[in-house]
N, C-alpha and C. Protein backbone atom coordinates (compact mmCIF):
# COMPACT_ATOMS: atom_id res chain seq x y z
N UNK A 1 31.14 24.64 -72.02
CA UNK A 1 31.14 23.56 -71.05
C UNK A 1 31.94 22.37 -71.57
N UNK A 2 31.85 22.10 -72.87
CA UNK A 2 32.58 20.97 -73.46
C UNK A 2 34.08 21.20 -73.38
N UNK A 3 34.51 22.44 -73.50
CA UNK A 3 35.94 22.73 -73.45
C UNK A 3 36.49 22.52 -72.04
N UNK A 4 35.65 22.71 -71.05
CA UNK A 4 36.10 22.54 -69.68
C UNK A 4 36.18 21.07 -69.30
N UNK A 5 35.30 20.24 -69.83
CA UNK A 5 35.28 18.84 -69.44
C UNK A 5 36.36 18.02 -70.16
N UNK A 6 36.86 18.49 -71.29
CA UNK A 6 37.87 17.74 -72.03
C UNK A 6 39.18 17.58 -71.24
N UNK A 7 39.72 18.64 -70.64
CA UNK A 7 40.96 18.44 -69.86
C UNK A 7 40.76 17.48 -68.68
N UNK A 8 39.61 17.56 -68.03
CA UNK A 8 39.36 16.64 -66.92
C UNK A 8 39.26 15.20 -67.41
N UNK A 9 38.65 14.99 -68.55
CA UNK A 9 38.52 13.64 -69.10
C UNK A 9 39.90 13.08 -69.45
N UNK A 10 40.73 13.91 -70.07
CA UNK A 10 42.09 13.47 -70.43
C UNK A 10 42.89 13.16 -69.18
N UNK A 11 42.77 14.00 -68.17
CA UNK A 11 43.51 13.78 -66.93
C UNK A 11 43.06 12.48 -66.26
N UNK A 12 41.76 12.20 -66.26
CA UNK A 12 41.27 10.98 -65.64
C UNK A 12 41.77 9.74 -66.38
N UNK A 13 41.74 9.80 -67.70
CA UNK A 13 42.20 8.65 -68.49
C UNK A 13 43.69 8.42 -68.27
N UNK A 14 44.48 9.50 -68.23
CA UNK A 14 45.92 9.35 -68.01
C UNK A 14 46.22 8.78 -66.62
N UNK A 15 45.55 9.31 -65.61
CA UNK A 15 45.82 8.82 -64.26
C UNK A 15 45.41 7.35 -64.12
N UNK A 16 44.29 7.01 -64.71
CA UNK A 16 43.82 5.62 -64.64
C UNK A 16 44.82 4.69 -65.33
N UNK A 17 45.29 5.10 -66.50
CA UNK A 17 46.25 4.26 -67.26
C UNK A 17 47.58 4.16 -66.52
N UNK A 18 48.09 5.28 -66.05
CA UNK A 18 49.38 5.27 -65.34
C UNK A 18 49.27 4.43 -64.06
N UNK A 19 48.14 4.53 -63.35
CA UNK A 19 47.96 3.73 -62.15
C UNK A 19 48.00 2.25 -62.44
N UNK A 20 47.36 1.84 -63.54
CA UNK A 20 47.37 0.42 -63.89
C UNK A 20 48.77 -0.05 -64.29
N UNK A 21 49.50 0.79 -65.00
CA UNK A 21 50.86 0.42 -65.42
C UNK A 21 51.76 0.24 -64.20
N UNK A 22 51.72 1.20 -63.27
CA UNK A 22 52.55 1.08 -62.08
C UNK A 22 52.14 -0.11 -61.20
N UNK A 23 50.85 -0.39 -61.14
CA UNK A 23 50.41 -1.54 -60.35
C UNK A 23 50.92 -2.84 -60.98
N UNK A 24 50.84 -2.94 -62.29
CA UNK A 24 51.33 -4.14 -62.97
C UNK A 24 52.83 -4.30 -62.79
N UNK A 25 53.58 -3.19 -62.87
CA UNK A 25 55.03 -3.27 -62.69
C UNK A 25 55.39 -3.65 -61.26
N UNK A 26 54.72 -3.07 -60.29
CA UNK A 26 55.07 -3.37 -58.90
C UNK A 26 54.68 -4.80 -58.54
N UNK A 27 53.61 -5.33 -59.13
CA UNK A 27 53.23 -6.72 -58.86
C UNK A 27 54.24 -7.69 -59.47
N UNK A 28 54.80 -7.34 -60.62
CA UNK A 28 55.74 -8.26 -61.27
C UNK A 28 57.11 -8.20 -60.61
N UNK A 29 57.47 -7.12 -59.91
CA UNK A 29 58.78 -6.96 -59.30
C UNK A 29 58.75 -7.34 -57.83
N UNK A 30 57.59 -7.42 -57.23
CA UNK A 30 57.48 -7.66 -55.80
C UNK A 30 58.07 -9.03 -55.44
N UNK A 31 58.75 -9.12 -54.28
CA UNK A 31 59.31 -10.41 -53.87
C UNK A 31 58.17 -11.37 -53.48
N UNK A 32 58.45 -12.65 -53.57
CA UNK A 32 57.39 -13.60 -53.20
C UNK A 32 57.08 -13.51 -51.71
N UNK A 33 55.87 -13.80 -51.38
CA UNK A 33 55.44 -13.74 -49.98
C UNK A 33 56.05 -14.90 -49.21
N UNK A 34 56.38 -14.68 -47.93
CA UNK A 34 56.94 -15.79 -47.14
C UNK A 34 55.86 -16.85 -46.92
N UNK A 35 56.29 -18.09 -46.69
CA UNK A 35 55.30 -19.15 -46.47
C UNK A 35 54.51 -18.89 -45.20
N UNK A 36 53.28 -19.30 -45.23
CA UNK A 36 52.41 -19.10 -44.07
C UNK A 36 52.85 -20.02 -42.93
N UNK A 37 52.77 -19.53 -41.69
CA UNK A 37 53.15 -20.40 -40.56
C UNK A 37 52.13 -21.54 -40.40
N UNK A 38 52.62 -22.63 -39.85
CA UNK A 38 51.73 -23.78 -39.63
C UNK A 38 50.68 -23.42 -38.59
N UNK A 39 49.50 -23.86 -38.83
CA UNK A 39 48.41 -23.57 -37.90
C UNK A 39 48.45 -24.52 -36.72
N UNK A 40 48.16 -24.00 -35.57
CA UNK A 40 48.10 -24.83 -34.36
C UNK A 40 46.81 -25.63 -34.40
N UNK A 41 46.80 -26.80 -33.77
CA UNK A 41 45.55 -27.58 -33.77
C UNK A 41 44.47 -26.81 -33.02
N UNK A 42 43.24 -26.97 -33.41
CA UNK A 42 42.17 -26.21 -32.74
C UNK A 42 42.02 -26.63 -31.28
N UNK A 43 41.69 -25.65 -30.47
CA UNK A 43 41.51 -25.91 -29.04
C UNK A 43 40.23 -26.70 -28.83
N UNK A 44 40.20 -27.55 -27.80
CA UNK A 44 38.97 -28.31 -27.55
C UNK A 44 37.85 -27.34 -27.17
N UNK A 45 36.63 -27.69 -27.49
CA UNK A 45 35.52 -26.78 -27.17
C UNK A 45 35.36 -26.62 -25.66
N UNK A 46 35.05 -25.40 -25.28
CA UNK A 46 34.86 -25.12 -23.85
C UNK A 46 33.53 -25.70 -23.40
N UNK A 47 33.55 -26.29 -22.24
CA UNK A 47 32.33 -26.88 -21.70
C UNK A 47 31.69 -25.86 -20.78
N UNK A 48 30.45 -25.52 -21.07
CA UNK A 48 29.75 -24.53 -20.25
C UNK A 48 29.31 -25.16 -18.94
N UNK A 49 29.35 -24.41 -17.87
CA UNK A 49 28.88 -24.97 -16.59
C UNK A 49 27.38 -25.23 -16.67
N UNK A 50 26.91 -26.19 -15.90
CA UNK A 50 25.47 -26.49 -15.96
C UNK A 50 24.65 -25.29 -15.50
N UNK A 51 23.50 -25.13 -16.12
CA UNK A 51 22.63 -24.01 -15.78
C UNK A 51 22.01 -24.24 -14.40
N UNK A 52 21.80 -23.18 -13.64
CA UNK A 52 21.18 -23.36 -12.33
C UNK A 52 19.73 -23.82 -12.50
N UNK A 53 19.21 -24.53 -11.52
CA UNK A 53 17.83 -25.01 -11.67
C UNK A 53 16.86 -23.84 -11.74
N UNK A 54 15.80 -24.03 -12.49
CA UNK A 54 14.79 -22.98 -12.65
C UNK A 54 14.01 -22.83 -11.36
N UNK A 55 13.62 -21.60 -11.03
CA UNK A 55 12.83 -21.43 -9.81
C UNK A 55 11.46 -22.08 -9.98
N UNK A 56 10.86 -22.54 -8.89
CA UNK A 56 9.55 -23.19 -9.03
C UNK A 56 8.49 -22.20 -9.51
N UNK A 57 7.58 -22.70 -10.30
CA UNK A 57 6.50 -21.85 -10.81
C UNK A 57 5.55 -21.51 -9.66
N UNK A 58 5.16 -20.26 -9.59
CA UNK A 58 4.27 -19.81 -8.52
C UNK A 58 2.89 -19.58 -9.12
N UNK A 59 1.89 -20.18 -8.53
CA UNK A 59 0.52 -20.00 -9.02
C UNK A 59 0.04 -18.60 -8.63
N UNK A 60 -0.70 -17.94 -9.53
CA UNK A 60 -1.19 -16.60 -9.18
C UNK A 60 -2.18 -16.70 -8.03
N UNK A 61 -2.17 -15.69 -7.17
CA UNK A 61 -3.04 -15.72 -5.99
C UNK A 61 -4.49 -15.43 -6.37
N UNK A 62 -4.71 -14.70 -7.45
CA UNK A 62 -6.08 -14.41 -7.88
C UNK A 62 -6.17 -14.71 -9.38
N UNK A 63 -7.34 -15.10 -9.86
CA UNK A 63 -7.45 -15.35 -11.30
C UNK A 63 -7.28 -14.05 -12.09
N UNK A 64 -6.73 -14.18 -13.27
CA UNK A 64 -6.50 -13.01 -14.11
C UNK A 64 -7.82 -12.48 -14.64
N UNK A 65 -7.91 -11.17 -14.83
CA UNK A 65 -9.12 -10.56 -15.36
C UNK A 65 -9.19 -10.76 -16.87
N UNK A 66 -10.38 -10.94 -17.37
CA UNK A 66 -10.60 -11.04 -18.81
C UNK A 66 -11.42 -9.84 -19.25
N UNK A 67 -11.61 -9.73 -20.54
CA UNK A 67 -12.41 -8.62 -21.06
C UNK A 67 -13.85 -8.71 -20.55
N UNK A 68 -14.39 -9.91 -20.46
CA UNK A 68 -15.76 -10.08 -19.98
C UNK A 68 -15.91 -9.64 -18.53
N UNK A 69 -14.89 -9.82 -17.73
CA UNK A 69 -14.97 -9.41 -16.32
C UNK A 69 -15.12 -7.90 -16.19
N UNK A 70 -14.66 -7.17 -17.18
CA UNK A 70 -14.71 -5.71 -17.11
C UNK A 70 -15.94 -5.17 -17.84
N UNK A 71 -16.23 -5.70 -19.04
CA UNK A 71 -17.30 -5.15 -19.87
C UNK A 71 -18.69 -5.48 -19.32
N UNK A 72 -18.93 -6.70 -18.91
CA UNK A 72 -20.27 -7.11 -18.48
C UNK A 72 -20.75 -6.32 -17.25
N UNK A 73 -19.97 -6.16 -16.19
CA UNK A 73 -20.47 -5.36 -15.06
C UNK A 73 -20.75 -3.90 -15.45
N UNK A 74 -19.97 -3.34 -16.32
CA UNK A 74 -20.19 -1.95 -16.73
C UNK A 74 -21.48 -1.85 -17.53
N UNK A 75 -21.75 -2.82 -18.38
CA UNK A 75 -22.96 -2.80 -19.21
C UNK A 75 -24.20 -3.03 -18.36
N UNK A 76 -24.08 -3.71 -17.25
CA UNK A 76 -25.25 -4.01 -16.42
C UNK A 76 -25.64 -2.81 -15.55
N UNK A 77 -24.78 -1.82 -15.37
CA UNK A 77 -25.12 -0.68 -14.52
C UNK A 77 -26.13 0.24 -15.17
């Protein structure tokens, strides 16, 4: 198993080293980047239209049931 992993280790080290060398060479030879274009002034914030009025609250026609409304009549039977 050790004999099989040695060639892979050597290949990985060589590829890693060669990749770094080529990256360093290409970075040193690359032309300078062009200047960035001037930024336009920011647009004014958009004004949202006013929200429509909320509908009127409607009172419930009957009172809501509670736990006592259900349990007490059942217990009394």
